[in-house]
Amino acid sequence: MILKPVTTEKAVKMIDVDNTLLFEAPRNSDKPEIKKEVENVFNVKVDKVRTFVQDNKKYAYVKLNKKSPAIDIATKLGMM
């Protein structure tokens, strides 16, 4: 599965405020798959995944555990 990070102004604000990352995910993926992918790729603990579909694209809000700062992952991905 390929997750693409979204770098809108709102997404960057959510990294700081909510410890949440926003990804564009494949339409056929489900929440457990997204959670497992993020945990395996970035070695973090995911608390919650919320998804929505807009303009035939699926987006996933991935809230990380407090022990795993989202800012570190965003820096690795070049979002910050």
N, C-alpha and C. Protein backbone atom coordinates (compact mmCIF):
# COMPACT_ATOMS: atom_id res chain seq x y z
N MET A 1 0.85 -1.17 0.00
CA MET A 1 0.00 0.00 0.00
C MET A 1 0.89 1.24 0.00
N ILE A 2 0.47 2.24 -0.72
CA ILE A 2 1.22 3.48 -0.79
C ILE A 2 0.41 4.59 -0.12
N LEU A 3 0.99 5.17 0.92
CA LEU A 3 0.38 6.31 1.61
C LEU A 3 1.16 7.56 1.23
N LYS A 4 0.45 8.58 0.75
CA LYS A 4 1.10 9.84 0.39
C LYS A 4 0.77 10.88 1.45
N PRO A 5 1.76 11.52 2.05
CA PRO A 5 1.46 12.56 3.04
C PRO A 5 0.86 13.80 2.37
N VAL A 6 -0.08 14.40 3.06
CA VAL A 6 -0.72 15.62 2.58
C VAL A 6 -0.13 16.78 3.37
N THR A 7 0.29 17.85 2.65
CA THR A 7 0.99 18.95 3.31
C THR A 7 0.24 20.26 3.18
N THR A 8 -1.05 20.23 3.43
CA THR A 8 -1.81 21.48 3.42
C THR A 8 -1.57 22.23 4.73
N GLU A 9 -2.02 23.46 4.78
CA GLU A 9 -1.85 24.26 5.99
C GLU A 9 -2.56 23.61 7.18
N LYS A 10 -3.77 23.09 6.92
CA LYS A 10 -4.52 22.43 7.98
C LYS A 10 -3.79 21.18 8.47
N ALA A 11 -3.22 20.42 7.56
CA ALA A 11 -2.51 19.19 7.93
C ALA A 11 -1.29 19.49 8.79
N VAL A 12 -0.56 20.55 8.45
CA VAL A 12 0.61 20.92 9.23
C VAL A 12 0.20 21.40 10.62
N LYS A 13 -0.90 22.12 10.71
CA LYS A 13 -1.40 22.58 12.02
C LYS A 13 -1.80 21.39 12.89
N MET A 14 -2.41 20.37 12.27
CA MET A 14 -2.83 19.19 13.03
C MET A 14 -1.64 18.41 13.58
N ILE A 15 -0.51 18.48 12.90
CA ILE A 15 0.70 17.82 13.40
C ILE A 15 1.10 18.42 14.74
N ASP A 16 1.08 19.75 14.81
CA ASP A 16 1.47 20.44 16.05
C ASP A 16 0.42 20.31 17.15
N VAL A 17 -0.84 20.51 16.80
CA VAL A 17 -1.90 20.60 17.80
C VAL A 17 -2.39 19.23 18.26
N ASP A 18 -2.68 18.33 17.31
CA ASP A 18 -3.34 17.06 17.63
C ASP A 18 -2.46 15.82 17.55
N ASN A 19 -1.18 15.99 17.16
CA ASN A 19 -0.28 14.85 16.96
C ASN A 19 -0.87 13.89 15.92
N THR A 20 -1.41 14.48 14.83
CA THR A 20 -2.10 13.73 13.80
C THR A 20 -1.46 14.00 12.44
N LEU A 21 -1.30 12.94 11.67
CA LEU A 21 -0.78 13.04 10.30
C LEU A 21 -1.92 12.78 9.32
N LEU A 22 -1.87 13.42 8.16
CA LEU A 22 -2.88 13.24 7.13
C LEU A 22 -2.23 12.60 5.92
N PHE A 23 -2.81 11.47 5.46
CA PHE A 23 -2.29 10.75 4.31
C PHE A 23 -3.40 10.56 3.28
N GLU A 24 -2.99 10.52 2.01
CA GLU A 24 -3.89 10.08 0.96
C GLU A 24 -3.65 8.59 0.79
N ALA A 25 -4.73 7.80 0.86
CA ALA A 25 -4.62 6.34 0.85
C ALA A 25 -5.38 5.78 -0.36
N PRO A 26 -5.08 4.55 -0.74
CA PRO A 26 -5.85 3.91 -1.81
C PRO A 26 -7.31 3.75 -1.41
N ARG A 27 -8.20 3.85 -2.39
CA ARG A 27 -9.64 3.80 -2.11
C ARG A 27 -10.07 2.47 -1.48
N ASN A 28 -9.40 1.38 -1.82
CA ASN A 28 -9.84 0.07 -1.33
C ASN A 28 -9.23 -0.29 0.02
N SER A 29 -8.42 0.59 0.62
CA SER A 29 -7.81 0.29 1.91
C SER A 29 -8.80 0.57 3.04
N ASP A 30 -8.64 -0.16 4.14
CA ASP A 30 -9.50 0.07 5.30
C ASP A 30 -8.65 0.53 6.49
N LYS A 31 -9.31 0.90 7.57
CA LYS A 31 -8.63 1.48 8.72
C LYS A 31 -7.57 0.57 9.33
N PRO A 32 -7.86 -0.73 9.55
CA PRO A 32 -6.81 -1.59 10.12
C PRO A 32 -5.57 -1.70 9.22
N GLU A 33 -5.78 -1.72 7.90
CA GLU A 33 -4.64 -1.78 6.98
C GLU A 33 -3.79 -0.52 7.08
N ILE A 34 -4.43 0.64 7.13
CA ILE A 34 -3.72 1.91 7.22
C ILE A 34 -2.95 1.97 8.53
N LYS A 35 -3.60 1.57 9.62
CA LYS A 35 -2.94 1.59 10.94
C LYS A 35 -1.70 0.70 10.92
N LYS A 36 -1.83 -0.51 10.41
CA LYS A 36 -0.72 -1.45 10.36
C LYS A 36 0.42 -0.91 9.51
N GLU A 37 0.09 -0.32 8.37
CA GLU A 37 1.11 0.23 7.47
C GLU A 37 1.91 1.34 8.13
N VAL A 38 1.21 2.28 8.79
CA VAL A 38 1.90 3.40 9.45
C VAL A 38 2.76 2.89 10.59
N GLU A 39 2.25 1.95 11.38
CA GLU A 39 3.03 1.41 12.50
C GLU A 39 4.27 0.68 12.01
N ASN A 40 4.16 -0.06 10.92
CA ASN A 40 5.31 -0.82 10.41
C ASN A 40 6.35 0.08 9.76
N VAL A 41 5.92 1.04 8.97
CA VAL A 41 6.85 1.87 8.22
C VAL A 41 7.59 2.84 9.12
N PHE A 42 6.88 3.46 10.08
CA PHE A 42 7.48 4.51 10.89
C PHE A 42 7.85 4.09 12.31
N ASN A 43 7.57 2.84 12.69
CA ASN A 43 7.85 2.33 14.04
C ASN A 43 7.24 3.21 15.12
N VAL A 44 5.95 3.49 15.00
CA VAL A 44 5.22 4.30 15.97
C VAL A 44 3.98 3.53 16.40
N LYS A 45 3.31 4.03 17.44
CA LYS A 45 2.06 3.46 17.91
C LYS A 45 0.92 4.38 17.48
N VAL A 46 -0.07 3.84 16.78
CA VAL A 46 -1.21 4.61 16.30
C VAL A 46 -2.37 4.42 17.26
N ASP A 47 -2.96 5.54 17.70
CA ASP A 47 -4.12 5.48 18.59
C ASP A 47 -5.43 5.34 17.81
N LYS A 48 -5.56 6.10 16.71
CA LYS A 48 -6.84 6.15 16.03
C LYS A 48 -6.64 6.50 14.57
N VAL A 49 -7.49 5.94 13.70
CA VAL A 49 -7.49 6.27 12.28
C VAL A 49 -8.90 6.68 11.89
N ARG A 50 -9.01 7.84 11.27
CA ARG A 50 -10.29 8.32 10.72
C ARG A 50 -10.10 8.51 9.23
N THR A 51 -11.09 8.10 8.44
CA THR A 51 -10.98 8.23 6.99
C THR A 51 -12.17 8.97 6.43
N PHE A 52 -11.97 9.57 5.25
CA PHE A 52 -13.06 10.15 4.50
C PHE A 52 -12.70 10.17 3.02
N VAL A 53 -13.74 10.20 2.18
CA VAL A 53 -13.54 10.20 0.74
C VAL A 53 -14.03 11.52 0.20
N GLN A 54 -13.18 12.15 -0.63
CA GLN A 54 -13.54 13.42 -1.25
C GLN A 54 -12.92 13.45 -2.65
N ASP A 55 -13.72 13.82 -3.64
CA ASP A 55 -13.26 13.89 -5.02
C ASP A 55 -12.61 12.59 -5.47
N ASN A 56 -13.24 11.47 -5.11
CA ASN A 56 -12.78 10.13 -5.47
C ASN A 56 -11.39 9.80 -4.94
N LYS A 57 -10.98 10.47 -3.87
CA LYS A 57 -9.72 10.17 -3.19
C LYS A 57 -10.03 9.88 -1.73
N LYS A 58 -9.31 8.96 -1.15
CA LYS A 58 -9.50 8.61 0.26
C LYS A 58 -8.39 9.23 1.08
N TYR A 59 -8.77 9.87 2.16
CA TYR A 59 -7.81 10.50 3.06
C TYR A 59 -7.93 9.84 4.44
N ALA A 60 -6.79 9.74 5.13
CA ALA A 60 -6.77 9.11 6.44
C ALA A 60 -6.08 10.05 7.44
N TYR A 61 -6.81 10.38 8.50
CA TYR A 61 -6.23 11.10 9.63
C TYR A 61 -5.70 10.04 10.59
N VAL A 62 -4.39 10.06 10.84
CA VAL A 62 -3.76 9.06 11.69
C VAL A 62 -3.27 9.74 12.95
N LYS A 63 -3.96 9.49 14.07
CA LYS A 63 -3.58 10.08 15.36
C LYS A 63 -2.59 9.15 16.03
N LEU A 64 -1.42 9.70 16.35
CA LEU A 64 -0.37 8.91 16.97
C LEU A 64 -0.44 8.97 18.49
N ASN A 65 0.17 7.98 19.12
CA ASN A 65 0.28 7.94 20.57
C ASN A 65 1.13 9.11 21.04
N LYS A 66 0.91 9.54 22.27
CA LYS A 66 1.66 10.68 22.82
C LYS A 66 3.17 10.42 22.85
N LYS A 67 3.56 9.16 22.97
CA LYS A 67 4.97 8.81 23.03
C LYS A 67 5.65 8.90 21.66
N SER A 68 4.84 9.01 20.60
CA SER A 68 5.36 9.08 19.23
C SER A 68 5.00 10.45 18.63
N PRO A 69 5.89 11.42 18.72
CA PRO A 69 5.56 12.75 18.19
C PRO A 69 5.44 12.75 16.66
N ALA A 70 4.36 13.30 16.18
CA ALA A 70 4.11 13.38 14.74
C ALA A 70 5.10 14.31 14.05
N ILE A 71 5.61 15.28 14.78
CA ILE A 71 6.56 16.24 14.20
C ILE A 71 7.82 15.53 13.73
N ASP A 72 8.25 14.47 14.42
CA ASP A 72 9.44 13.73 14.02
C ASP A 72 9.22 13.03 12.68
N ILE A 73 8.06 12.43 12.50
CA ILE A 73 7.75 11.75 11.25
C ILE A 73 7.59 12.75 10.12
N ALA A 74 6.94 13.88 10.42
CA ALA A 74 6.76 14.92 9.40
C ALA A 74 8.11 15.45 8.93
N THR A 75 9.05 15.57 9.84
CA THR A 75 10.40 16.04 9.48
C THR A 75 11.09 15.01 8.59
N LYS A 76 10.95 13.72 8.90
CA LYS A 76 11.55 12.67 8.08
C LYS A 76 10.96 12.67 6.67
N LEU A 77 9.66 12.96 6.57
CA LEU A 77 8.98 12.97 5.27
C LEU A 77 9.21 14.25 4.50
N GLY A 78 9.83 15.24 5.13
CA GLY A 78 10.09 16.51 4.47
C GLY A 78 8.89 17.45 4.45
N MET A 79 7.95 17.23 5.34
CA MET A 79 6.75 18.07 5.41
C MET A 79 7.01 19.36 6.17
N MET A 80 7.99 19.37 7.03
CA MET A 80 8.27 20.53 7.86
C MET A 80 9.58 21.17 7.45
